[in-house]
């Protein structure tokens, strides 16, 4: 059941979509510098955003 959430701009937006937008805007290298998350700093994880999202 889907509910209206007018005060929640991220309602219905997947983590994968958010990551894709961040990568498109900043790139992996810059995200790795700004955010200490393993998937941004290791090449193997870059190949699979689903793995990164987990």
C-alpha atoms as a PDB file:
ATOM      1  CA  UNK A   1       0.000   0.000   0.000  1.00  0.00           C
ATOM      2  CA  UNK A   2       1.481   3.327  -1.088  1.00  0.00           C
ATOM      3  CA  UNK A   3       0.755   6.370   1.021  1.00  0.00           C
ATOM      4  CA  UNK A   4       1.033  10.006   0.043  1.00  0.00           C
ATOM      5  CA  UNK A   5       3.934  11.705   1.828  1.00  0.00           C
ATOM      6  CA  UNK A   6       4.019  15.344   0.715  1.00  0.00           C
ATOM      7  CA  UNK A   7       6.640  16.309   3.321  1.00  0.00           C
ATOM      8  CA  UNK A   8       9.042  13.506   2.389  1.00  0.00           C
ATOM      9  CA  UNK A   9      10.924  14.366  -0.830  1.00  0.00           C
ATOM     10  CA  UNK A  10      12.774  11.032  -0.771  1.00  0.00           C
ATOM     11  CA  UNK A  11       9.666   8.868  -0.560  1.00  0.00           C
ATOM     12  CA  UNK A  12       9.871   6.271  -3.308  1.00  0.00           C
ATOM     13  CA  UNK A  13      13.482   7.084  -4.210  1.00  0.00           C
ATOM     14  CA  UNK A  14      15.751   4.059  -3.961  1.00  0.00           C
ATOM     15  CA  UNK A  15      19.216   4.079  -2.435  1.00  0.00           C
ATOM     16  CA  UNK A  16      20.555   2.967  -5.803  1.00  0.00           C
ATOM     17  CA  UNK A  17      19.036   6.036  -7.480  1.00  0.00           C
ATOM     18  CA  UNK A  18      20.554   8.314  -4.836  1.00  0.00           C
ATOM     19  CA  UNK A  19      23.978   6.694  -5.269  1.00  0.00           C
ATOM     20  CA  UNK A  20      23.760   6.970  -9.056  1.00  0.00           C
ATOM     21  CA  UNK A  21      23.025  10.693  -8.774  1.00  0.00           C
ATOM     22  CA  UNK A  22      25.862  11.247  -6.297  1.00  0.00           C
ATOM     23  CA  UNK A  23      28.314   9.353  -8.510  1.00  0.00           C
ATOM     24  CA  UNK A  24      27.200  11.296 -11.588  1.00  0.00           C
ATOM     25  CA  UNK A  25      27.634  14.598  -9.769  1.00  0.00           C
ATOM     26  CA  UNK A  26      30.812  14.010  -7.719  1.00  0.00           C
ATOM     27  CA  UNK A  27      32.424  10.864  -9.139  1.00  0.00           C
ATOM     28  CA  UNK A  28      33.716   7.883  -7.156  1.00  0.00           C
ATOM     29  CA  UNK A  29      37.060   9.442  -6.258  1.00  0.00           C
ATOM     30  CA  UNK A  30      35.541  12.574  -4.735  1.00  0.00           C
ATOM     31  CA  UNK A  31      32.906  10.583  -2.831  1.00  0.00           C
ATOM     32  CA  UNK A  32      35.723   8.416  -1.474  1.00  0.00           C
ATOM     33  CA  UNK A  33      37.557  11.500  -0.246  1.00  0.00           C
ATOM     34  CA  UNK A  34      34.478  13.029   1.371  1.00  0.00           C
ATOM     35  CA  UNK A  35      32.799   9.895   2.742  1.00  0.00           C
ATOM     36  CA  UNK A  36      34.710   7.064   4.388  1.00  0.00           C
ATOM     37  CA  UNK A  37      32.652   4.216   2.927  1.00  0.00           C
ATOM     38  CA  UNK A  38      34.479   1.151   1.632  1.00  0.00           C
ATOM     39  CA  UNK A  39      32.564   0.911  -1.656  1.00  0.00           C
ATOM     40  CA  UNK A  40      33.762   4.364  -2.727  1.00  0.00           C
ATOM     41  CA  UNK A  41      37.404   3.516  -2.073  1.00  0.00           C
ATOM     42  CA  UNK A  42      37.757  -0.023  -3.461  1.00  0.00           C
ATOM     43  CA  UNK A  43      37.519  -0.665  -7.197  1.00  0.00           C
ATOM     44  CA  UNK A  44      35.763  -4.054  -6.898  1.00  0.00           C
ATOM     45  CA  UNK A  45      32.735  -2.567  -5.145  1.00  0.00           C
ATOM     46  CA  UNK A  46      32.414   0.205  -7.737  1.00  0.00           C
ATOM     47  CA  UNK A  47      31.367  -2.340 -10.298  1.00  0.00           C
ATOM     48  CA  UNK A  48      28.209  -3.222  -8.440  1.00  0.00           C
ATOM     49  CA  UNK A  49      26.108  -0.482  -6.818  1.00  0.00           C
ATOM     50  CA  UNK A  50      23.801  -3.112  -5.350  1.00  0.00           C
ATOM     51  CA  UNK A  51      26.714  -4.471  -3.321  1.00  0.00           C
ATOM     52  CA  UNK A  52      27.568  -0.953  -2.274  1.00  0.00           C
ATOM     53  CA  UNK A  53      23.992  -0.241  -1.219  1.00  0.00           C
ATOM     54  CA  UNK A  54      23.990  -3.244   1.088  1.00  0.00           C
END
